Amino acid sequence: MKAVRSSSHSGDRSGSRPAARRPKAPSASRRGKPENSSAAATSKSERSRDLILHSAAQLFRRQGFSATTLRQIAAKTKIKAGSIYYHFDSKEQILDEVLDRGLRHVFETVKNSVERAGKVSHRRKIGLAIEAHLVALLETSDFTSANIRIYGQLPEQLKKPHRPLRRAYAEYWDQLFIDARRAGEIRADMEVVPLRMFVIGALNWTIEWFRLENRDAVLELARRTETLIFEGVNKP
């Protein structure tokens, strides 16, 4: 994935020991077991790794990166602290994957929603993007919420690997607004970058005040947001 950084930067004493290396699994023939035993072991390892990431995302989201220790992540995952080193070399490596999954999830959700719509108006595409962003943020992903909450708190060296994906997502939204402006569906004098920053900032802020009750509530919030963006607060 990304270059692994030394765990000493995290301030987490539980990350100070040398990283354990994964033992190389013997072949099925040497073990005298069927090959699907290796597949089952791999599947179990992947599930354990995923549980660690989910636990970390929840803790990062709730208390921030610096305040979260590897021991806390292990306790929440219900494993021994040393077992984390079988899957990750440091807390920073866990952070890298949490941040990547968080933004990649929302980006793919938005793109898929817009692409499935086919030939619709640009306003509709933007409305679908708003809806998909909110669903990914509020309904389905601790990774997305963790990304939004902690990214701004991180030192530059931890942010840098994630800038290309964040830039690509911003450019995707910029193109939605550029296409809508060219089609005359938004004002010609509207600057795209400030508009995108306003919209995504408003959507992301909902994690601080919106209380999810059901999917219909998310969709209603998306519709209200779309109306506010396109029609403002003027009396009809």
C-alpha atoms as a PDB file:
ATOM      1  CA  MET A   1       0.000   0.000   0.000  1.00  0.00           C
ATOM      2  CA  LYS A   2       1.804   3.112   1.165  1.00  0.00           C
ATOM      3  CA  ALA A   3       5.238   3.471   2.649  1.00  0.00           C
ATOM      4  CA  VAL A   4       5.191   2.400   6.263  1.00  0.00           C
ATOM      5  CA  ARG A   5       6.171   5.048   8.764  1.00  0.00           C
ATOM      6  CA  SER A   6       7.817   4.435  12.088  1.00  0.00           C
ATOM      7  CA  SER A   7       5.324   3.987  14.893  1.00  0.00           C
ATOM      8  CA  SER A   8       7.396   6.267  17.116  1.00  0.00           C
ATOM      9  CA  HIS A   9       5.781   9.273  15.430  1.00  0.00           C
ATOM     10  CA  SER A  10       2.380   8.350  16.815  1.00  0.00           C
ATOM     11  CA  GLY A  11       3.265   8.857  20.446  1.00  0.00           C
ATOM     12  CA  ASP A  12       1.813   5.427  21.150  1.00  0.00           C
ATOM     13  CA  ARG A  13       4.125   3.406  23.376  1.00  0.00           C
ATOM     14  CA  SER A  14       2.344   0.257  22.363  1.00  0.00           C
ATOM     15  CA  GLY A  15       3.798   0.814  18.896  1.00  0.00           C
ATOM     16  CA  SER A  16       7.435   0.961  20.013  1.00  0.00           C
ATOM     17  CA  ARG A  17       8.278  -2.706  19.666  1.00  0.00           C
ATOM     18  CA  PRO A  18       9.698  -4.056  16.398  1.00  0.00           C
ATOM     19  CA  ALA A  19       7.096  -5.093  13.882  1.00  0.00           C
ATOM     20  CA  ALA A  20       6.482  -8.813  13.809  1.00  0.00           C
ATOM     21  CA  ARG A  21       6.817 -10.401  10.421  1.00  0.00           C
ATOM     22  CA  ARG A  22       4.149 -12.659   9.077  1.00  0.00           C
ATOM     23  CA  PRO A  23       5.292 -16.253   9.084  1.00  0.00           C
ATOM     24  CA  LYS A  24       5.476 -17.750   5.651  1.00  0.00           C
ATOM     25  CA  ALA A  25       2.783 -20.375   5.417  1.00  0.00           C
ATOM     26  CA  PRO A  26       3.985 -23.812   4.349  1.00  0.00           C
ATOM     27  CA  SER A  27       2.498 -25.287   1.218  1.00  0.00           C
ATOM     28  CA  ALA A  28      -0.524 -27.555   1.441  1.00  0.00           C
ATOM     29  CA  SER A  29       1.536 -30.550   0.366  1.00  0.00           C
ATOM     30  CA  ARG A  30       4.086 -30.017   3.140  1.00  0.00           C
ATOM     31  CA  ARG A  31       1.369 -29.732   5.744  1.00  0.00           C
ATOM     32  CA  GLY A  32      -0.466 -32.711   4.402  1.00  0.00           C
ATOM     33  CA  LYS A  33      -3.680 -30.666   4.376  1.00  0.00           C
ATOM     34  CA  PRO A  34      -5.969 -29.738   1.516  1.00  0.00           C
ATOM     35  CA  GLU A  35      -5.278 -26.464  -0.305  1.00  0.00           C
ATOM     36  CA  ASN A  36      -8.552 -24.943   0.863  1.00  0.00           C
ATOM     37  CA  SER A  37      -7.094 -24.892   4.400  1.00  0.00           C
ATOM     38  CA  SER A  38      -4.757 -22.136   3.213  1.00  0.00           C
ATOM     39  CA  ALA A  39      -7.694 -20.242   1.709  1.00  0.00           C
ATOM     40  CA  ALA A  40      -9.626 -20.546   4.975  1.00  0.00           C
ATOM     41  CA  ALA A  41      -6.633 -19.236   6.933  1.00  0.00           C
ATOM     42  CA  THR A  42      -6.298 -16.311   4.522  1.00  0.00           C
ATOM     43  CA  SER A  43      -9.993 -15.538   4.863  1.00  0.00           C
ATOM     44  CA  LYS A  44      -9.738 -15.562   8.654  1.00  0.00           C
ATOM     45  CA  SER A  45      -6.703 -13.277   8.482  1.00  0.00           C
ATOM     46  CA  GLU A  46      -8.562 -10.864   6.222  1.00  0.00           C
ATOM     47  CA  ARG A  47     -11.531 -10.793   8.598  1.00  0.00           C
ATOM     48  CA  SER A  48      -9.233 -10.048  11.536  1.00  0.00           C
ATOM     49  CA  ARG A  49      -7.545  -7.281   9.580  1.00  0.00           C
ATOM     50  CA  ASP A  50     -10.904  -5.793   8.666  1.00  0.00           C
ATOM     51  CA  LEU A  51     -12.044  -5.849  12.304  1.00  0.00           C
ATOM     52  CA  ILE A  52      -8.906  -3.975  13.319  1.00  0.00           C
ATOM     53  CA  LEU A  53      -9.563  -1.327  10.696  1.00  0.00           C
ATOM     54  CA  HIS A  54     -13.206  -0.918  11.721  1.00  0.00           C
ATOM     55  CA  SER A  55     -12.255  -0.600  15.383  1.00  0.00           C
ATOM     56  CA  ALA A  56      -9.577   1.951  14.534  1.00  0.00           C
ATOM     57  CA  ALA A  57     -11.976   3.968  12.366  1.00  0.00           C
ATOM     58  CA  GLN A  58     -14.514   4.144  15.186  1.00  0.00           C
ATOM     59  CA  LEU A  59     -11.874   5.240  17.697  1.00  0.00           C
ATOM     60  CA  PHE A  60     -10.278   7.762  15.326  1.00  0.00           C
ATOM     61  CA  ARG A  61     -13.712   9.186  14.610  1.00  0.00           C
ATOM     62  CA  ARG A  62     -14.614   9.484  18.293  1.00  0.00           C
ATOM     63  CA  GLN A  63     -11.377  10.611  19.924  1.00  0.00           C
ATOM     64  CA  GLY A  64      -8.937  11.549  17.159  1.00  0.00           C
ATOM     65  CA  PHE A  65      -5.744   9.955  15.872  1.00  0.00           C
ATOM     66  CA  SER A  66      -3.261  11.151  18.496  1.00  0.00           C
ATOM     67  CA  ALA A  67      -5.411  10.095  21.453  1.00  0.00           C
ATOM     68  CA  THR A  68      -5.988   6.594  20.063  1.00  0.00           C
ATOM     69  CA  THR A  69      -3.457   3.904  20.991  1.00  0.00           C
ATOM     70  CA  LEU A  70      -2.787   0.513  19.525  1.00  0.00           C
ATOM     71  CA  ARG A  71      -3.793  -1.025  22.853  1.00  0.00           C
ATOM     72  CA  GLN A  72      -7.200   0.655  22.592  1.00  0.00           C
ATOM     73  CA  ILE A  73      -7.628  -0.610  19.036  1.00  0.00           C
ATOM     74  CA  ALA A  74      -6.689  -4.130  20.141  1.00  0.00           C
ATOM     75  CA  ALA A  75      -9.052  -3.999  23.121  1.00  0.00           C
ATOM     76  CA  LYS A  76     -11.943  -2.876  20.927  1.00  0.00           C
ATOM     77  CA  THR A  77     -11.126  -5.618  18.416  1.00  0.00           C
ATOM     78  CA  LYS A  78     -10.876  -8.110  21.311  1.00  0.00           C
ATOM     79  CA  ILE A  79      -7.404  -9.303  20.431  1.00  0.00           C
ATOM     80  CA  LYS A  80      -4.017  -9.058  22.122  1.00  0.00           C
ATOM     81  CA  ALA A  81      -2.140  -5.839  21.385  1.00  0.00           C
ATOM     82  CA  GLY A  82       0.793  -7.734  19.880  1.00  0.00           C
ATOM     83  CA  SER A  83      -1.496  -9.444  17.377  1.00  0.00           C
ATOM     84  CA  ILE A  84      -1.947  -6.159  15.533  1.00  0.00           C
ATOM     85  CA  TYR A  85       1.650  -6.451  14.307  1.00  0.00           C
ATOM     86  CA  TYR A  86       0.701  -9.539  12.330  1.00  0.00           C
ATOM     87  CA  HIS A  87      -1.388  -7.240  10.091  1.00  0.00           C
ATOM     88  CA  PHE A  88       0.105  -3.742  10.451  1.00  0.00           C
ATOM     89  CA  ASP A  89       3.535  -2.365  11.268  1.00  0.00           C
ATOM     90  CA  SER A  90       2.327   0.820  12.972  1.00  0.00           C
ATOM     91  CA  LYS A  91      -0.612   2.989  13.908  1.00  0.00           C
ATOM     92  CA  GLU A  92       0.256   5.225  10.954  1.00  0.00           C
ATOM     93  CA  GLN A  93      -0.209   2.326   8.563  1.00  0.00           C
ATOM     94  CA  ILE A  94      -3.656   1.667  10.035  1.00  0.00           C
ATOM     95  CA  LEU A  95      -4.447   5.374   9.619  1.00  0.00           C
ATOM     96  CA  ASP A  96      -3.375   5.275   5.968  1.00  0.00           C
ATOM     97  CA  GLU A  97      -5.853   2.540   5.163  1.00  0.00           C
ATOM     98  CA  VAL A  98      -8.682   4.056   7.205  1.00  0.00           C
ATOM     99  CA  LEU A  99      -8.294   7.389   5.387  1.00  0.00           C
ATOM    100  CA  ASP A 100      -8.008   5.739   1.977  1.00  0.00           C
ATOM    101  CA  ARG A 101     -11.052   3.529   2.496  1.00  0.00           C
ATOM    102  CA  GLY A 102     -13.073   6.437   3.844  1.00  0.00           C
ATOM    103  CA  LEU A 103     -12.669   8.727   0.860  1.00  0.00           C
ATOM    104  CA  ARG A 104     -12.546   5.963  -1.727  1.00  0.00           C
ATOM    105  CA  HIS A 105     -15.873   4.634  -0.438  1.00  0.00           C
ATOM    106  CA  VAL A 106     -17.676   7.956  -0.769  1.00  0.00           C
ATOM    107  CA  PHE A 107     -16.023   8.729  -4.141  1.00  0.00           C
ATOM    108  CA  GLU A 108     -17.072   5.378  -5.628  1.00  0.00           C
ATOM    109  CA  THR A 109     -20.577   5.678  -4.165  1.00  0.00           C
ATOM    110  CA  VAL A 110     -21.033   9.104  -5.770  1.00  0.00           C
ATOM    111  CA  LYS A 111     -19.600   8.082  -9.157  1.00  0.00           C
ATOM    112  CA  ASN A 112     -21.680   4.907  -9.329  1.00  0.00           C
ATOM    113  CA  SER A 113     -24.859   6.776  -8.463  1.00  0.00           C
ATOM    114  CA  VAL A 114     -24.297   9.416 -11.143  1.00  0.00           C
ATOM    115  CA  GLU A 115     -23.227   6.912 -13.805  1.00  0.00           C
ATOM    116  CA  ARG A 116     -26.233   4.648 -13.209  1.00  0.00           C
ATOM    117  CA  ALA A 117     -28.574   7.583 -13.846  1.00  0.00           C
ATOM    118  CA  GLY A 118     -27.606   7.744 -17.526  1.00  0.00           C
ATOM    119  CA  LYS A 119     -28.811  10.744 -19.508  1.00  0.00           C
ATOM    120  CA  VAL A 120     -30.404  13.069 -16.978  1.00  0.00           C
ATOM    121  CA  SER A 121     -30.156  16.806 -16.356  1.00  0.00           C
ATOM    122  CA  HIS A 122     -27.044  18.230 -14.758  1.00  0.00           C
ATOM    123  CA  ARG A 123     -29.133  19.345 -11.822  1.00  0.00           C
ATOM    124  CA  ARG A 124     -30.257  15.761 -11.345  1.00  0.00           C
ATOM    125  CA  LYS A 125     -26.663  14.519 -11.482  1.00  0.00           C
ATOM    126  CA  ILE A 126     -25.662  17.002  -8.792  1.00  0.00           C
ATOM    127  CA  GLY A 127     -28.692  15.986  -6.739  1.00  0.00           C
ATOM    128  CA  LEU A 128     -27.695  12.325  -7.011  1.00  0.00           C
ATOM    129  CA  ALA A 129     -24.124  13.182  -6.017  1.00  0.00           C
ATOM    130  CA  ILE A 130     -25.409  15.030  -2.944  1.00  0.00           C
ATOM    131  CA  GLU A 131     -27.618  12.091  -2.019  1.00  0.00           C
ATOM    132  CA  ALA A 132     -24.857   9.511  -2.506  1.00  0.00           C
ATOM    133  CA  HIS A 133     -22.341  11.557  -0.509  1.00  0.00           C
ATOM    134  CA  LEU A 134     -24.755  11.856   2.401  1.00  0.00           C
ATOM    135  CA  VAL A 135     -25.679   8.167   2.315  1.00  0.00           C
ATOM    136  CA  ALA A 136     -21.993   7.157   2.340  1.00  0.00           C
ATOM    137  CA  LEU A 137     -21.294   9.570   5.155  1.00  0.00           C
ATOM    138  CA  LEU A 138     -24.300   9.053   7.419  1.00  0.00           C
ATOM    139  CA  GLU A 139     -25.502   5.552   6.744  1.00  0.00           C
ATOM    140  CA  THR A 140     -22.712   3.216   5.797  1.00  0.00           C
ATOM    141  CA  SER A 141     -19.161   4.133   6.748  1.00  0.00           C
ATOM    142  CA  ASP A 142     -17.186   4.807   9.915  1.00  0.00           C
ATOM    143  CA  PHE A 143     -14.219   5.140   7.586  1.00  0.00           C
ATOM    144  CA  THR A 144     -15.768   8.114   5.791  1.00  0.00           C
ATOM    145  CA  SER A 145     -16.729   9.854   9.021  1.00  0.00           C
ATOM    146  CA  ALA A 146     -13.266   9.250  10.494  1.00  0.00           C
ATOM    147  CA  ASN A 147     -11.661  10.699   7.379  1.00  0.00           C
ATOM    148  CA  ILE A 148     -13.723  13.871   7.605  1.00  0.00           C
ATOM    149  CA  ARG A 149     -13.223  14.388  11.315  1.00  0.00           C
ATOM    150  CA  ILE A 150      -9.504  13.773  11.692  1.00  0.00           C
ATOM    151  CA  TYR A 151      -7.869  14.734   8.390  1.00  0.00           C
ATOM    152  CA  GLY A 152      -7.550  18.403   9.286  1.00  0.00           C
ATOM    153  CA  GLN A 153      -5.898  17.534  12.623  1.00  0.00           C
ATOM    154  CA  LEU A 154      -3.081  15.498  11.092  1.00  0.00           C
ATOM    155  CA  PRO A 155       0.495  16.672  10.497  1.00  0.00           C
ATOM    156  CA  GLU A 156       1.512  17.292   6.903  1.00  0.00           C
ATOM    157  CA  GLN A 157       3.494  14.065   6.485  1.00  0.00           C
ATOM    158  CA  LEU A 158       0.384  12.020   7.276  1.00  0.00           C
ATOM    159  CA  LYS A 159      -1.853  14.060   4.952  1.00  0.00           C
ATOM    160  CA  LYS A 160       0.434  14.032   1.928  1.00  0.00           C
ATOM    161  CA  PRO A 161      -0.193  10.456   0.658  1.00  0.00           C
ATOM    162  CA  HIS A 162      -3.941  11.144   0.531  1.00  0.00           C
ATOM    163  CA  ARG A 163      -3.884  14.418  -1.371  1.00  0.00           C
ATOM    164  CA  PRO A 164      -4.105  12.872  -4.881  1.00  0.00           C
ATOM    165  CA  LEU A 165      -7.354  11.035  -4.109  1.00  0.00           C
ATOM    166  CA  ARG A 166      -8.840  14.070  -2.367  1.00  0.00           C
ATOM    167  CA  ARG A 167      -7.876  16.210  -5.371  1.00  0.00           C
ATOM    168  CA  ALA A 168      -9.478  13.728  -7.772  1.00  0.00           C
ATOM    169  CA  TYR A 169     -12.732  13.810  -5.788  1.00  0.00           C
ATOM    170  CA  ALA A 170     -12.732  17.612  -5.752  1.00  0.00           C
ATOM    171  CA  GLU A 171     -12.135  17.695  -9.515  1.00  0.00           C
ATOM    172  CA  TYR A 172     -15.026  15.276 -10.051  1.00  0.00           C
ATOM    173  CA  TRP A 173     -17.395  17.693  -8.303  1.00  0.00           C
ATOM    174  CA  ASP A 174     -15.875  20.653 -10.147  1.00  0.00           C
ATOM    175  CA  GLN A 175     -16.701  18.976 -13.449  1.00  0.00           C
ATOM    176  CA  LEU A 176     -20.309  18.385 -12.373  1.00  0.00           C
ATOM    177  CA  PHE A 177     -20.696  22.097 -11.691  1.00  0.00           C
ATOM    178  CA  ILE A 178     -18.802  23.147 -14.848  1.00  0.00           C
ATOM    179  CA  ASP A 179     -21.096  20.991 -16.992  1.00  0.00           C
ATOM    180  CA  ALA A 180     -24.170  22.439 -15.262  1.00  0.00           C
ATOM    181  CA  ARG A 181     -22.921  25.992 -15.818  1.00  0.00           C
ATOM    182  CA  ARG A 182     -22.238  25.353 -19.508  1.00  0.00           C
ATOM    183  CA  ALA A 183     -25.736  23.959 -19.884  1.00  0.00           C
ATOM    184  CA  GLY A 184     -27.218  27.059 -18.265  1.00  0.00           C
ATOM    185  CA  GLU A 185     -28.490  25.138 -15.245  1.00  0.00           C
ATOM    186  CA  ILE A 186     -26.526  27.276 -12.782  1.00  0.00           C
ATOM    187  CA  ARG A 187     -25.522  30.930 -12.992  1.00  0.00           C
ATOM    188  CA  ALA A 188     -22.779  31.793 -15.469  1.00  0.00           C
ATOM    189  CA  ASP A 189     -21.043  34.076 -12.950  1.00  0.00           C
ATOM    190  CA  MET A 190     -20.805  31.335 -10.319  1.00  0.00           C
ATOM    191  CA  GLU A 191     -17.223  30.343  -9.472  1.00  0.00           C
ATOM    192  CA  VAL A 192     -16.986  26.576  -9.376  1.00  0.00           C
ATOM    193  CA  VAL A 193     -14.291  25.972  -6.737  1.00  0.00           C
ATOM    194  CA  PRO A 194     -15.902  28.076  -3.966  1.00  0.00           C
ATOM    195  CA  LEU A 195     -19.253  26.484  -4.836  1.00  0.00           C
ATOM    196  CA  ARG A 196     -17.804  22.986  -4.531  1.00  0.00           C
ATOM    197  CA  MET A 197     -16.093  23.828  -1.237  1.00  0.00           C
ATOM    198  CA  PHE A 198     -19.353  25.226   0.122  1.00  0.00           C
ATOM    199  CA  VAL A 199     -21.420  22.203  -0.938  1.00  0.00           C
ATOM    200  CA  ILE A 200     -19.029  19.491   0.250  1.00  0.00           C
ATOM    201  CA  GLY A 201     -18.295  21.411   3.452  1.00  0.00           C
ATOM    202  CA  ALA A 202     -22.019  21.668   4.189  1.00  0.00           C
ATOM    203  CA  LEU A 203     -22.540  17.970   3.471  1.00  0.00           C
ATOM    204  CA  ASN A 204     -19.606  16.913   5.638  1.00  0.00           C
ATOM    205  CA  TRP A 205     -20.755  19.081   8.542  1.00  0.00           C
ATOM    206  CA  THR A 206     -23.952  17.045   8.834  1.00  0.00           C
ATOM    207  CA  ILE A 207     -22.077  14.406  10.845  1.00  0.00           C
ATOM    208  CA  GLU A 208     -21.997  16.926  13.707  1.00  0.00           C
ATOM    209  CA  TRP A 209     -25.716  17.651  13.892  1.00  0.00           C
ATOM    210  CA  PHE A 210     -27.798  15.188  11.868  1.00  0.00           C
ATOM    211  CA  ARG A 211     -29.301  12.277  13.765  1.00  0.00           C
ATOM    212  CA  LEU A 212     -29.862   9.345  11.452  1.00  0.00           C
ATOM    213  CA  GLU A 213     -33.262   7.712  11.916  1.00  0.00           C
ATOM    214  CA  ASN A 214     -33.689   5.890   8.620  1.00  0.00           C
ATOM    215  CA  ARG A 215     -32.754   6.050   4.958  1.00  0.00           C
ATOM    216  CA  ASP A 216     -35.776   8.197   4.119  1.00  0.00           C
ATOM    217  CA  ALA A 217     -34.479  10.857   6.494  1.00  0.00           C
ATOM    218  CA  VAL A 218     -31.162  10.926   4.621  1.00  0.00           C
ATOM    219  CA  LEU A 219     -32.920  11.220   1.260  1.00  0.00           C
ATOM    220  CA  GLU A 220     -35.109  14.050   2.558  1.00  0.00           C
ATOM    221  CA  LEU A 221     -32.022  15.878   3.809  1.00  0.00           C
ATOM    222  CA  ALA A 222     -30.441  15.430   0.359  1.00  0.00           C
ATOM    223  CA  ARG A 223     -33.530  16.879  -1.350  1.00  0.00           C
ATOM    224  CA  ARG A 224     -33.572  19.889   0.972  1.00  0.00           C
ATOM    225  CA  THR A 225     -29.879  20.480   0.364  1.00  0.00           C
ATOM    226  CA  GLU A 226     -30.354  20.313  -3.415  1.00  0.00           C
ATOM    227  CA  THR A 227     -33.233  22.791  -3.240  1.00  0.00           C
ATOM    228  CA  LEU A 228     -31.181  25.179  -1.115  1.00  0.00           C
ATOM    229  CA  ILE A 229     -28.251  25.054  -3.550  1.00  0.00           C
ATOM    230  CA  PHE A 230     -30.299  25.571  -6.708  1.00  0.00           C
ATOM    231  CA  GLU A 231     -33.077  27.828  -5.454  1.00  0.00           C
ATOM    232  CA  GLY A 232     -31.595  29.543  -2.402  1.00  0.00           C
ATOM    233  CA  VAL A 233     -33.755  30.949   0.353  1.00  0.00           C
ATOM    234  CA  ASN A 234     -35.768  33.416  -1.736  1.00  0.00           C
ATOM    235  CA  LYS A 235     -39.518  33.218  -1.390  1.00  0.00           C
ATOM    236  CA  PRO A 236     -40.958  31.441  -4.474  1.00  0.00           C
END
